[in-house]
Amino acid sequence: MAKNKKRIGIGIDLGTANLLVFLEQKGIIFNEPSVIAFDRESGKIVAAGKDAHKMLGKVHSKIEVIKPLKNGVISDMKAAKLLLRYVLTQIEDLTDEDLSNTSSVMCCPSEVTKIERDIIIELATNMGMQEVLIDEEIKSAALGSNIDIFESKGVMMVDIGGGTTDVGILSYGDIVLSRTIRMAGNYIDSELAKYVKQKDKVEIGELTSERAKINLADLREDAVDKSMRFAGRDIVRGVPKWVTITNEDVVKVLTPIYEEIVKLISAVLKDTPPELSADIYKHGIYLTGGGSLVKGVEEFIKKRINVPVKVVPNPLTCVAEGSKYLLKNRGDYLVNPLKL
């Protein structure tokens, strides 16, 4: 008689901007934009990940490019399922039988609704996954950063992602309280595009706005002046036109958004029990996510809250890397997976 096959552990960080998939024994097997492109007539996948991301705003009517997640939750079930199936079956060569023999952890923002959680579970079960655990991104991020949340001390995580900014306090292996706002990387991109359109009467695309943010975002008070030229469309004449965007332009867009993030952190701290507040004041606030890579973000937050702030060593991958510990822990608060 054939022996029972060992279950495959899969950790999935369903990010609005990027999809990361962690496979036990192998590590992260996919870390690319959460984008997929279809042929409208045949329904076949044309591209996925970074190849599909390059196609945003550049395709003809026969190809549809979809971002299946919006504001941290699934907005297109079919596209999300096909993207995930593409990663697991095309890139990793897992069969339907393999998928039916998996234990999976799906990470999501802490304040998603029950309906939104049910959609994530439905996505996994539609793919044939039998054992599905939903857990919060900030919890997984802490574990993936090797921060011990199972001790009797408070830990504050701030995850500035693509669709949401998640702030939470953790202690004894779980979240004590958390808050989420839908202001993060993608929101910054759209606000920057609006600003350029209003100021220079030039419309820039999603990819251009993202590129300007990545290259020019700098919240430091002594930031050196920097500017770059980008191509867009003159909204008056309707012709292509160059536009110069400076780091000052980007900071004008960034500052009110990061002020809102500071308000969110302050609101969570206000509701935090005194003993845990003392721990946070002592050990500081940990930042994760793409939004934590903006130059000067640590000083910006620290100056306004007067608490030490530090970016974790692996801000972009810590959620996916933390899923391996969640697979070991499975919600058992007496088990510290970091010590297994």
C-alpha atoms as a PDB file:
ATOM      1  CA  MET A   1       0.000   0.000   0.000  1.00  0.00           C
ATOM      2  CA  ALA A   2       1.321   3.446  -0.916  1.00  0.00           C
ATOM      3  CA  LYS A   3       2.285   5.683   1.952  1.00  0.00           C
ATOM      4  CA  ASN A   4       0.336   8.862   2.539  1.00  0.00           C
ATOM      5  CA  LYS A   5       2.060  11.763   0.853  1.00  0.00           C
ATOM      6  CA  LYS A   6       3.346  14.478   3.152  1.00  0.00           C
ATOM      7  CA  ARG A   7       1.224  17.626   3.073  1.00  0.00           C
ATOM      8  CA  ILE A   8       2.694  20.564   1.176  1.00  0.00           C
ATOM      9  CA  GLY A   9       2.800  23.830   3.147  1.00  0.00           C
ATOM     10  CA  ILE A  10       2.022  26.946   1.117  1.00  0.00           C
ATOM     11  CA  GLY A  11       2.048  30.523   2.403  1.00  0.00           C
ATOM     12  CA  ILE A  12       0.371  33.184   0.262  1.00  0.00           C
ATOM     13  CA  ASP A  13       0.717  36.946   0.702  1.00  0.00           C
ATOM     14  CA  LEU A  14      -2.164  38.251  -1.415  1.00  0.00           C
ATOM     15  CA  GLY A  15      -0.866  41.775  -1.772  1.00  0.00           C
ATOM     16  CA  THR A  16      -2.614  44.470  -3.779  1.00  0.00           C
ATOM     17  CA  ALA A  17       0.689  45.399  -5.436  1.00  0.00           C
ATOM     18  CA  ASN A  18       2.597  42.101  -5.290  1.00  0.00           C
ATOM     19  CA  LEU A  19       1.772  38.423  -4.913  1.00  0.00           C
ATOM     20  CA  LEU A  20       4.267  36.404  -2.894  1.00  0.00           C
ATOM     21  CA  VAL A  21       4.070  32.630  -2.619  1.00  0.00           C
ATOM     22  CA  PHE A  22       6.099  30.684  -0.060  1.00  0.00           C
ATOM     23  CA  LEU A  23       6.587  26.929  -0.432  1.00  0.00           C
ATOM     24  CA  GLU A  24       7.906  24.816   2.443  1.00  0.00           C
ATOM     25  CA  GLN A  25      11.365  23.368   1.758  1.00  0.00           C
ATOM     26  CA  LYS A  26      11.869  25.842  -1.115  1.00  0.00           C
ATOM     27  CA  GLY A  27      11.197  29.337   0.256  1.00  0.00           C
ATOM     28  CA  ILE A  28       9.645  32.149  -1.806  1.00  0.00           C
ATOM     29  CA  ILE A  29       8.931  30.831  -5.313  1.00  0.00           C
ATOM     30  CA  PHE A  30       7.101  33.908  -6.650  1.00  0.00           C
ATOM     31  CA  ASN A  31       7.459  37.598  -5.860  1.00  0.00           C
ATOM     32  CA  GLU A  32       5.980  39.670  -8.666  1.00  0.00           C
ATOM     33  CA  PRO A  33       3.188  42.211  -9.279  1.00  0.00           C
ATOM     34  CA  SER A  34      -0.389  40.973  -8.736  1.00  0.00           C
ATOM     35  CA  VAL A  35      -1.339  41.423 -12.387  1.00  0.00           C
ATOM     36  CA  ILE A  36      -2.592  39.018 -15.053  1.00  0.00           C
ATOM     37  CA  ALA A  37      -3.336  39.512 -18.780  1.00  0.00           C
ATOM     38  CA  PHE A  38      -5.886  37.523 -20.828  1.00  0.00           C
ATOM     39  CA  ASP A  39      -6.790  37.116 -24.457  1.00  0.00           C
ATOM     40  CA  ARG A  40     -10.428  38.328 -24.460  1.00  0.00           C
ATOM     41  CA  GLU A  41     -11.534  35.862 -27.154  1.00  0.00           C
ATOM     42  CA  SER A  42      -9.886  32.610 -26.039  1.00  0.00           C
ATOM     43  CA  GLY A  43      -9.630  33.398 -22.326  1.00  0.00           C
ATOM     44  CA  LYS A  44      -6.019  32.168 -22.340  1.00  0.00           C
ATOM     45  CA  ILE A  45      -3.411  33.776 -20.097  1.00  0.00           C
ATOM     46  CA  VAL A  46      -1.101  36.030 -22.115  1.00  0.00           C
ATOM     47  CA  ALA A  47       1.169  37.086 -19.254  1.00  0.00           C
ATOM     48  CA  ALA A  48       1.318  37.210 -15.459  1.00  0.00           C
ATOM     49  CA  GLY A  49       3.336  39.017 -12.813  1.00  0.00           C
ATOM     50  CA  LYS A  50       5.973  41.493 -13.988  1.00  0.00           C
ATOM     51  CA  ASP A  51       5.354  40.712 -17.679  1.00  0.00           C
ATOM     52  CA  ALA A  52       1.659  41.582 -17.295  1.00  0.00           C
ATOM     53  CA  HIS A  53       2.522  44.641 -15.173  1.00  0.00           C
ATOM     54  CA  LYS A  54       4.533  46.100 -18.074  1.00  0.00           C
ATOM     55  CA  MET A  55       1.375  45.871 -20.216  1.00  0.00           C
ATOM     56  CA  LEU A  56      -0.748  48.170 -18.013  1.00  0.00           C
ATOM     57  CA  GLY A  57      -2.182  50.979 -20.120  1.00  0.00           C
ATOM     58  CA  LYS A  58      -0.438  49.738 -23.284  1.00  0.00           C
ATOM     59  CA  VAL A  59      -2.608  46.953 -24.735  1.00  0.00           C
ATOM     60  CA  HIS A  60      -5.179  46.780 -27.544  1.00  0.00           C
ATOM     61  CA  SER A  61      -8.840  45.820 -27.121  1.00  0.00           C
ATOM     62  CA  LYS A  62      -8.231  42.089 -27.608  1.00  0.00           C
ATOM     63  CA  ILE A  63      -6.145  41.827 -24.427  1.00  0.00           C
ATOM     64  CA  GLU A  64      -7.427  42.552 -20.929  1.00  0.00           C
ATOM     65  CA  VAL A  65      -4.989  43.340 -18.138  1.00  0.00           C
ATOM     66  CA  ILE A  66      -6.422  42.862 -14.627  1.00  0.00           C
ATOM     67  CA  LYS A  67      -5.230  43.604 -11.106  1.00  0.00           C
ATOM     68  CA  PRO A  68      -7.308  41.040  -9.135  1.00  0.00           C
ATOM     69  CA  LEU A  69      -6.870  42.753  -5.755  1.00  0.00           C
ATOM     70  CA  LYS A  70      -7.988  46.174  -4.663  1.00  0.00           C
ATOM     71  CA  ASN A  71      -7.430  47.781  -1.253  1.00  0.00           C
ATOM     72  CA  GLY A  72      -6.058  44.547   0.164  1.00  0.00           C
ATOM     73  CA  VAL A  73      -8.996  42.323  -0.838  1.00  0.00           C
ATOM     74  CA  ILE A  74      -9.999  40.255  -3.862  1.00  0.00           C
ATOM     75  CA  SER A  75     -11.997  42.287  -6.379  1.00  0.00           C
ATOM     76  CA  ASP A  76     -11.934  39.754  -9.239  1.00  0.00           C
ATOM     77  CA  MET A  77     -12.255  36.131  -8.086  1.00  0.00           C
ATOM     78  CA  LYS A  78     -11.712  34.581 -11.528  1.00  0.00           C
ATOM     79  CA  ALA A  79      -8.538  36.562 -12.211  1.00  0.00           C
ATOM     80  CA  ALA A  80      -7.172  35.916  -8.694  1.00  0.00           C
ATOM     81  CA  LYS A  81      -7.754  32.173  -9.051  1.00  0.00           C
ATOM     82  CA  LEU A  82      -6.101  32.039 -12.488  1.00  0.00           C
ATOM     83  CA  LEU A  83      -3.111  34.075 -11.297  1.00  0.00           C
ATOM     84  CA  LEU A  84      -2.575  31.834  -8.273  1.00  0.00           C
ATOM     85  CA  ARG A  85      -3.136  28.663 -10.276  1.00  0.00           C
ATOM     86  CA  TYR A  86      -0.664  29.933 -12.898  1.00  0.00           C
ATOM     87  CA  VAL A  87       2.008  30.426 -10.214  1.00  0.00           C
ATOM     88  CA  LEU A  88       1.462  27.033  -8.579  1.00  0.00           C
ATOM     89  CA  THR A  89       0.950  24.882 -11.660  1.00  0.00           C
ATOM     90  CA  GLN A  90       2.964  26.623 -14.404  1.00  0.00           C
ATOM     91  CA  ILE A  91       5.910  27.853 -12.366  1.00  0.00           C
ATOM     92  CA  GLU A  92       6.061  25.173  -9.667  1.00  0.00           C
ATOM     93  CA  ASP A  93       4.465  22.257 -11.614  1.00  0.00           C
ATOM     94  CA  LEU A  94       2.065  21.304  -8.820  1.00  0.00           C
ATOM     95  CA  THR A  95      -0.774  19.022  -9.940  1.00  0.00           C
ATOM     96  CA  ASP A  96      -4.419  19.112  -8.835  1.00  0.00           C
ATOM     97  CA  GLU A  97      -3.575  16.126  -6.619  1.00  0.00           C
ATOM     98  CA  ASP A  98      -0.729  18.098  -5.025  1.00  0.00           C
ATOM     99  CA  LEU A  99      -3.057  21.084  -4.405  1.00  0.00           C
ATOM    100  CA  SER A 100      -5.584  18.802  -2.686  1.00  0.00           C
ATOM    101  CA  ASN A 101      -2.808  17.753  -0.319  1.00  0.00           C
ATOM    102  CA  THR A 102      -1.797  21.222   0.867  1.00  0.00           C
ATOM    103  CA  SER A 103      -1.918  23.176   4.097  1.00  0.00           C
ATOM    104  CA  SER A 104      -2.139  26.841   3.171  1.00  0.00           C
ATOM    105  CA  VAL A 105      -1.919  30.144   5.021  1.00  0.00           C
ATOM    106  CA  MET A 106      -3.523  33.111   3.273  1.00  0.00           C
ATOM    107  CA  CYS A 107      -2.455  36.474   4.702  1.00  0.00           C
ATOM    108  CA  CYS A 108      -4.791  39.482   4.614  1.00  0.00           C
ATOM    109  CA  PRO A 109      -5.210  42.925   6.252  1.00  0.00           C
ATOM    110  CA  SER A 110      -6.394  42.716   9.868  1.00  0.00           C
ATOM    111  CA  GLU A 111      -9.662  44.608   9.392  1.00  0.00           C
ATOM    112  CA  VAL A 112     -11.125  42.771   6.405  1.00  0.00           C
ATOM    113  CA  THR A 113     -14.781  41.859   6.821  1.00  0.00           C
ATOM    114  CA  LYS A 114     -16.119  38.322   7.289  1.00  0.00           C
ATOM    115  CA  ILE A 115     -17.422  38.410   3.711  1.00  0.00           C
ATOM    116  CA  GLU A 116     -13.962  39.379   2.440  1.00  0.00           C
ATOM    117  CA  ARG A 117     -12.388  36.556   4.482  1.00  0.00           C
ATOM    118  CA  ASP A 118     -14.947  34.106   3.083  1.00  0.00           C
ATOM    119  CA  ILE A 119     -13.960  35.184  -0.444  1.00  0.00           C
ATOM    120  CA  ILE A 120     -10.308  34.388   0.319  1.00  0.00           C
ATOM    121  CA  ILE A 121     -11.286  30.951   1.682  1.00  0.00           C
ATOM    122  CA  GLU A 122     -13.468  30.399  -1.389  1.00  0.00           C
ATOM    123  CA  LEU A 123     -10.474  31.196  -3.608  1.00  0.00           C
ATOM    124  CA  ALA A 124      -8.375  28.514  -1.877  1.00  0.00           C
ATOM    125  CA  THR A 125     -11.112  25.871  -1.847  1.00  0.00           C
ATOM    126  CA  ASN A 126     -11.929  26.536  -5.525  1.00  0.00           C
ATOM    127  CA  MET A 127      -8.338  25.590  -6.258  1.00  0.00           C
ATOM    128  CA  GLY A 128      -8.789  22.297  -4.396  1.00  0.00           C
ATOM    129  CA  MET A 129      -6.840  23.259  -1.268  1.00  0.00           C
ATOM    130  CA  GLN A 130      -8.224  21.286   1.675  1.00  0.00           C
ATOM    131  CA  GLU A 131      -6.741  22.965   4.745  1.00  0.00           C
ATOM    132  CA  VAL A 132      -6.871  26.769   4.702  1.00  0.00           C
ATOM    133  CA  LEU A 133      -5.868  29.171   7.475  1.00  0.00           C
ATOM    134  CA  ILE A 134      -6.531  32.907   7.213  1.00  0.00           C
ATOM    135  CA  ASP A 135      -4.219  35.087   9.279  1.00  0.00           C
ATOM    136  CA  GLU A 136      -3.281  38.742   9.519  1.00  0.00           C
ATOM    137  CA  GLU A 137      -0.426  40.237   7.534  1.00  0.00           C
ATOM    138  CA  ILE A 138       1.020  42.159  10.474  1.00  0.00           C
ATOM    139  CA  LYS A 139       1.266  38.974  12.537  1.00  0.00           C
ATOM    140  CA  SER A 140       3.014  37.139   9.712  1.00  0.00           C
ATOM    141  CA  ALA A 141       5.252  40.173   9.059  1.00  0.00           C
ATOM    142  CA  ALA A 142       6.428  40.198  12.672  1.00  0.00           C
ATOM    143  CA  LEU A 143       7.284  36.496  12.578  1.00  0.00           C
ATOM    144  CA  GLY A 144       8.964  36.844   9.182  1.00  0.00           C
ATOM    145  CA  SER A 145      11.128  39.608  10.662  1.00  0.00           C
ATOM    146  CA  ASN A 146      12.149  37.282  13.531  1.00  0.00           C
ATOM    147  CA  ILE A 147      10.331  39.431  16.086  1.00  0.00           C
ATOM    148  CA  ASP A 148       9.196  37.240  18.977  1.00  0.00           C
ATOM    149  CA  ILE A 149       5.520  38.092  19.507  1.00  0.00           C
ATOM    150  CA  PHE A 150       5.034  35.171  21.912  1.00  0.00           C
ATOM    151  CA  GLU A 151       6.779  36.893  24.818  1.00  0.00           C
ATOM    152  CA  SER A 152       4.995  38.970  27.431  1.00  0.00           C
ATOM    153  CA  LYS A 153       5.794  42.250  25.698  1.00  0.00           C
ATOM    154  CA  GLY A 154       3.922  44.500  23.321  1.00  0.00           C
ATOM    155  CA  VAL A 155       5.079  44.770  19.710  1.00  0.00           C
ATOM    156  CA  MET A 156       3.773  47.416  17.308  1.00  0.00           C
ATOM    157  CA  MET A 157       3.795  46.677  13.572  1.00  0.00           C
ATOM    158  CA  VAL A 158       2.968  49.180  10.813  1.00  0.00           C
ATOM    159  CA  ASP A 159       2.584  47.605   7.366  1.00  0.00           C
ATOM    160  CA  ILE A 160       2.404  50.231   4.600  1.00  0.00           C
ATOM    161  CA  GLY A 161       1.500  48.075   1.611  1.00  0.00           C
ATOM    162  CA  GLY A 162       0.023  48.622  -1.825  1.00  0.00           C
ATOM    163  CA  GLY A 163      -3.679  48.785  -0.977  1.00  0.00           C
ATOM    164  CA  THR A 164      -3.824  49.287   2.792  1.00  0.00           C
ATOM    165  CA  THR A 165      -1.836  50.503   5.758  1.00  0.00           C
ATOM    166  CA  ASP A 166      -2.222  48.132   8.697  1.00  0.00           C
ATOM    167  CA  VAL A 167      -1.292  49.103  12.262  1.00  0.00           C
ATOM    168  CA  GLY A 168      -1.452  46.592  15.106  1.00  0.00           C
ATOM    169  CA  ILE A 169      -0.280  45.730  18.604  1.00  0.00           C
ATOM    170  CA  LEU A 170       0.744  42.120  19.223  1.00  0.00           C
ATOM    171  CA  SER A 171       1.408  40.243  22.458  1.00  0.00           C
ATOM    172  CA  TYR A 172       1.382  36.585  23.541  1.00  0.00           C
ATOM    173  CA  GLY A 173       1.155  35.372  19.956  1.00  0.00           C
ATOM    174  CA  ASP A 174      -1.769  37.358  18.599  1.00  0.00           C
ATOM    175  CA  ILE A 175      -3.155  40.805  17.797  1.00  0.00           C
ATOM    176  CA  VAL A 176      -4.402  42.797  20.787  1.00  0.00           C
ATOM    177  CA  LEU A 177      -5.853  45.594  18.650  1.00  0.00           C
ATOM    178  CA  SER A 178      -5.455  46.864  15.104  1.00  0.00           C
ATOM    179  CA  ARG A 179      -6.643  49.495  12.647  1.00  0.00           C
ATOM    180  CA  THR A 180      -6.541  49.697   8.846  1.00  0.00           C
ATOM    181  CA  ILE A 181      -6.846  52.545   6.358  1.00  0.00           C
ATOM    182  CA  ARG A 182      -7.030  52.179   2.596  1.00  0.00           C
ATOM    183  CA  MET A 183      -4.255  54.687   1.968  1.00  0.00           C
ATOM    184  CA  ALA A 184      -0.974  53.172   0.808  1.00  0.00           C
ATOM    185  CA  GLY A 185       1.233  52.754  -2.279  1.00  0.00           C
ATOM    186  CA  ASN A 186      -1.457  52.598  -4.966  1.00  0.00           C
ATOM    187  CA  TYR A 187      -3.286  55.553  -3.432  1.00  0.00           C
ATOM    188  CA  ILE A 188      -0.047  57.575  -3.540  1.00  0.00           C
ATOM    189  CA  ASP A 189       0.355  56.725  -7.246  1.00  0.00           C
ATOM    190  CA  SER A 190      -3.159  57.904  -8.112  1.00  0.00           C
ATOM    191  CA  GLU A 191      -2.822  61.103  -6.022  1.00  0.00           C
ATOM    192  CA  LEU A 192       0.495  61.923  -7.695  1.00  0.00           C
ATOM    193  CA  ALA A 193      -1.083  61.487 -11.145  1.00  0.00           C
ATOM    194  CA  LYS A 194      -3.940  63.842 -10.097  1.00  0.00           C
ATOM    195  CA  TYR A 195      -1.433  66.408  -8.807  1.00  0.00           C
ATOM    196  CA  VAL A 196       0.579  66.425 -12.068  1.00  0.00           C
ATOM    197  CA  LYS A 197      -2.627  66.683 -14.105  1.00  0.00           C
ATOM    198  CA  GLN A 198      -3.795  69.669 -12.065  1.00  0.00           C
ATOM    199  CA  LYS A 199      -0.419  71.445 -11.860  1.00  0.00           C
ATOM    200  CA  ASP A 200       1.056  70.808 -15.309  1.00  0.00           C
ATOM    201  CA  LYS A 201      -2.062  69.911 -17.353  1.00  0.00           C
ATOM    202  CA  VAL A 202      -0.367  66.648 -18.285  1.00  0.00           C
ATOM    203  CA  GLU A 203      -1.865  63.217 -17.785  1.00  0.00           C
ATOM    204  CA  ILE A 204       0.595  60.493 -16.772  1.00  0.00           C
ATOM    205  CA  GLY A 205      -0.068  56.770 -16.616  1.00  0.00           C
ATOM    206  CA  GLU A 206      -0.108  54.413 -13.650  1.00  0.00           C
ATOM    207  CA  LEU A 207       3.362  53.011 -14.361  1.00  0.00           C
ATOM    208  CA  THR A 208       4.848  56.482 -14.814  1.00  0.00           C
ATOM    209  CA  SER A 209       3.363  57.702 -11.537  1.00  0.00           C
ATOM    210  CA  GLU A 210       4.746  54.656  -9.724  1.00  0.00           C
ATOM    211  CA  ARG A 211       8.185  55.218 -11.259  1.00  0.00           C
ATOM    212  CA  ALA A 212       8.171  58.882 -10.187  1.00  0.00           C
ATOM    213  CA  LYS A 213       7.248  57.882  -6.629  1.00  0.00           C
ATOM    214  CA  ILE A 214       9.981  55.245  -6.387  1.00  0.00           C
ATOM    215  CA  ASN A 215      12.698  57.548  -7.758  1.00  0.00           C
ATOM    216  CA  LEU A 216      11.742  60.851  -6.104  1.00  0.00           C
ATOM    217  CA  ALA A 217      10.007  60.082  -2.800  1.00  0.00           C
ATOM    218  CA  ASP A 218      12.068  61.562   0.042  1.00  0.00           C
ATOM    219  CA  LEU A 219      10.628  62.759   3.376  1.00  0.00           C
ATOM    220  CA  ARG A 220      13.959  63.890   4.841  1.00  0.00           C
ATOM    221  CA  GLU A 221      14.088  67.544   5.865  1.00  0.00           C
ATOM    222  CA  ASP A 222      17.531  67.961   4.263  1.00  0.00           C
ATOM    223  CA  ALA A 223      16.663  66.121   1.043  1.00  0.00           C
ATOM    224  CA  VAL A 224      18.719  67.203  -1.956  1.00  0.00           C
ATOM    225  CA  ASP A 225      16.685  68.725  -4.796  1.00  0.00           C
ATOM    226  CA  LYS A 226      16.070  66.209  -7.557  1.00  0.00           C
ATOM    227  CA  SER A 227      13.935  66.140 -10.674  1.00  0.00           C
ATOM    228  CA  MET A 228      13.142  63.778 -13.542  1.00  0.00           C
ATOM    229  CA  ARG A 229      11.395  64.093 -16.896  1.00  0.00           C
ATOM    230  CA  PHE A 230       8.507  61.799 -17.731  1.00  0.00           C
ATOM    231  CA  ALA A 231       6.366  61.455 -20.832  1.00  0.00           C
ATOM    232  CA  GLY A 232       2.629  62.032 -20.644  1.00  0.00           C
ATOM    233  CA  ARG A 233      -0.296  63.473 -22.625  1.00  0.00           C
ATOM    234  CA  ASP A 234      -1.129  67.162 -22.815  1.00  0.00           C
ATOM    235  CA  ILE A 235      -4.776  67.295 -21.683  1.00  0.00           C
ATOM    236  CA  VAL A 236      -5.429  70.556 -23.569  1.00  0.00           C
ATOM    237  CA  ARG A 237      -3.962  69.677 -26.976  1.00  0.00           C
ATOM    238  CA  GLY A 238      -4.094  65.881 -26.646  1.00  0.00           C
ATOM    239  CA  VAL A 239      -0.505  65.396 -27.838  1.00  0.00           C
ATOM    240  CA  PRO A 240       2.468  63.698 -26.115  1.00  0.00           C
ATOM    241  CA  LYS A 241       4.401  66.013 -23.839  1.00  0.00           C
ATOM    242  CA  TRP A 242       7.325  65.862 -21.445  1.00  0.00           C
ATOM    243  CA  VAL A 243       6.724  66.884 -17.840  1.00  0.00           C
ATOM    244  CA  THR A 244       9.315  67.520 -15.134  1.00  0.00           C
ATOM    245  CA  ILE A 245       8.451  66.114 -11.703  1.00  0.00           C
ATOM    246  CA  THR A 246      10.552  67.122  -8.686  1.00  0.00           C
ATOM    247  CA  ASN A 247      11.011  65.479  -5.311  1.00  0.00           C
ATOM    248  CA  GLU A 248       9.223  68.532  -3.895  1.00  0.00           C
ATOM    249  CA  ASP A 249       6.154  67.659  -6.002  1.00  0.00           C
ATOM    250  CA  VAL A 250       6.188  64.096  -4.689  1.00  0.00           C
ATOM    251  CA  VAL A 251       6.617  65.254  -1.075  1.00  0.00           C
ATOM    252  CA  LYS A 252       3.574  67.538  -1.428  1.00  0.00           C
ATOM    253  CA  VAL A 253       1.557  64.431  -2.276  1.00  0.00           C
ATOM    254  CA  LEU A 254       3.260  62.152   0.273  1.00  0.00           C
ATOM    255  CA  THR A 255       3.095  64.398   3.333  1.00  0.00           C
ATOM    256  CA  PRO A 256      -0.703  64.475   3.898  1.00  0.00           C
ATOM    257  CA  ILE A 257      -0.886  60.705   3.308  1.00  0.00           C
ATOM    258  CA  TYR A 258       1.882  59.927   5.806  1.00  0.00           C
ATOM    259  CA  GLU A 259       0.294  62.389   8.249  1.00  0.00           C
ATOM    260  CA  GLU A 260      -2.847  60.215   8.048  1.00  0.00           C
ATOM    261  CA  ILE A 261      -0.713  57.148   8.773  1.00  0.00           C
ATOM    262  CA  VAL A 262       0.724  58.953  11.804  1.00  0.00           C
ATOM    263  CA  LYS A 263      -2.831  59.744  12.974  1.00  0.00           C
ATOM    264  CA  LEU A 264      -3.690  56.051  12.627  1.00  0.00           C
ATOM    265  CA  ILE A 265      -0.642  55.041  14.690  1.00  0.00           C
ATOM    266  CA  SER A 266      -1.584  57.636  17.332  1.00  0.00           C
ATOM    267  CA  ALA A 267      -5.172  56.343  17.473  1.00  0.00           C
ATOM    268  CA  VAL A 268      -3.948  52.775  18.064  1.00  0.00           C
ATOM    269  CA  LEU A 269      -1.469  53.926  20.730  1.00  0.00           C
ATOM    270  CA  LYS A 270      -4.240  55.886  22.452  1.00  0.00           C
ATOM    271  CA  ASP A 271      -6.264  52.669  22.883  1.00  0.00           C
ATOM    272  CA  THR A 272      -3.278  50.521  23.883  1.00  0.00           C
ATOM    273  CA  PRO A 273      -3.159  49.247  27.510  1.00  0.00           C
ATOM    274  CA  PRO A 274      -0.482  51.092  29.567  1.00  0.00           C
ATOM    275  CA  GLU A 275       1.775  48.060  30.101  1.00  0.00           C
ATOM    276  CA  LEU A 276       1.951  47.391  26.378  1.00  0.00           C
ATOM    277  CA  SER A 277       2.500  51.111  25.672  1.00  0.00           C
ATOM    278  CA  ALA A 278       5.555  51.020  27.931  1.00  0.00           C
ATOM    279  CA  ASP A 279       6.964  48.092  25.900  1.00  0.00           C
ATOM    280  CA  ILE A 280       6.432  49.943  22.622  1.00  0.00           C
ATOM    281  CA  TYR A 281       8.095  53.088  23.951  1.00  0.00           C
ATOM    282  CA  LYS A 282      11.063  50.935  24.968  1.00  0.00           C
ATOM    283  CA  HIS A 283      11.365  48.713  21.878  1.00  0.00           C
ATOM    284  CA  GLY A 284       9.946  50.995  19.193  1.00  0.00           C
ATOM    285  CA  ILE A 285       7.634  50.692  16.189  1.00  0.00           C
ATOM    286  CA  TYR A 286       8.483  48.280  13.349  1.00  0.00           C
ATOM    287  CA  LEU A 287       7.724  49.314   9.752  1.00  0.00           C
ATOM    288  CA  THR A 288       7.137  46.880   6.883  1.00  0.00           C
ATOM    289  CA  GLY A 289       5.802  47.024   3.327  1.00  0.00           C
ATOM    290  CA  GLY A 290       6.863  48.999   0.263  1.00  0.00           C
ATOM    291  CA  GLY A 291       5.815  52.293   1.877  1.00  0.00           C
ATOM    292  CA  SER A 292       8.467  51.829   4.556  1.00  0.00           C
ATOM    293  CA  LEU A 293      11.193  52.176   1.907  1.00  0.00           C
ATOM    294  CA  VAL A 294      10.540  55.901   1.374  1.00  0.00           C
ATOM    295  CA  LYS A 295      13.656  57.789   2.445  1.00  0.00           C
ATOM    296  CA  GLY A 296      13.219  59.560   5.785  1.00  0.00           C
ATOM    297  CA  VAL A 297      10.037  57.724   6.793  1.00  0.00           C
ATOM    298  CA  GLU A 298      11.529  56.628  10.151  1.00  0.00           C
ATOM    299  CA  GLU A 299      12.458  60.203  11.114  1.00  0.00           C
ATOM    300  CA  PHE A 300       9.095  61.521   9.843  1.00  0.00           C
ATOM    301  CA  ILE A 301       7.084  59.218  12.140  1.00  0.00           C
ATOM    302  CA  LYS A 302       9.490  59.407  15.098  1.00  0.00           C
ATOM    303  CA  LYS A 303       9.423  63.220  15.106  1.00  0.00           C
ATOM    304  CA  ARG A 304       5.623  63.252  15.391  1.00  0.00           C
ATOM    305  CA  ILE A 305       5.122  60.398  17.874  1.00  0.00           C
ATOM    306  CA  ASN A 306       8.352  60.521  19.925  1.00  0.00           C
ATOM    307  CA  VAL A 307       8.786  56.747  19.827  1.00  0.00           C
ATOM    308  CA  PRO A 308      11.748  54.916  18.219  1.00  0.00           C
ATOM    309  CA  VAL A 309      10.921  53.741  14.679  1.00  0.00           C
ATOM    310  CA  LYS A 310      12.787  51.137  12.612  1.00  0.00           C
ATOM    311  CA  VAL A 311      12.259  49.446   9.264  1.00  0.00           C
ATOM    312  CA  VAL A 312      12.593  45.644   9.449  1.00  0.00           C
ATOM    313  CA  PRO A 313      15.477  44.084   7.433  1.00  0.00           C
ATOM    314  CA  ASN A 314      13.132  42.403   4.898  1.00  0.00           C
ATOM    315  CA  PRO A 315      10.128  44.758   4.533  1.00  0.00           C
ATOM    316  CA  LEU A 316       8.932  43.422   1.163  1.00  0.00           C
ATOM    317  CA  THR A 317       9.112  39.691   1.897  1.00  0.00           C
ATOM    318  CA  CYS A 318       8.541  39.371   5.663  1.00  0.00           C
ATOM    319  CA  VAL A 319       4.807  38.555   5.344  1.00  0.00           C
ATOM    320  CA  ALA A 320       5.472  35.605   3.026  1.00  0.00           C
ATOM    321  CA  GLU A 321       8.470  34.476   5.078  1.00  0.00           C
ATOM    322  CA  GLY A 322       6.389  34.614   8.258  1.00  0.00           C
ATOM    323  CA  SER A 323       3.814  32.243   6.779  1.00  0.00           C
ATOM    324  CA  LYS A 324       6.147  29.273   7.408  1.00  0.00           C
ATOM    325  CA  TYR A 325       5.856  29.962  11.148  1.00  0.00           C
ATOM    326  CA  LEU A 326       2.079  30.287  10.922  1.00  0.00           C
ATOM    327  CA  LEU A 327       2.000  26.881   9.204  1.00  0.00           C
ATOM    328  CA  LYS A 328       3.833  25.444  12.224  1.00  0.00           C
ATOM    329  CA  ASN A 329       1.800  27.348  14.802  1.00  0.00           C
ATOM    330  CA  ARG A 330      -1.739  27.002  13.367  1.00  0.00           C
ATOM    331  CA  GLY A 331      -3.234  29.341  15.939  1.00  0.00           C
ATOM    332  CA  ASP A 332      -1.817  27.505  18.980  1.00  0.00           C
ATOM    333  CA  TYR A 333      -0.759  30.346  21.272  1.00  0.00           C
ATOM    334  CA  LEU A 334       1.200  27.976  23.531  1.00  0.00           C
ATOM    335  CA  VAL A 335       3.549  27.101  20.670  1.00  0.00           C
ATOM    336  CA  ASN A 336       6.323  29.523  19.735  1.00  0.00           C
ATOM    337  CA  PRO A 337       7.133  28.594  16.104  1.00  0.00           C
ATOM    338  CA  LEU A 338      10.320  30.693  16.165  1.00  0.00           C
ATOM    339  CA  LYS A 339      11.789  28.116  18.569  1.00  0.00           C
ATOM    340  CA  LEU A 340      10.646  24.975  16.738  1.00  0.00           C
END
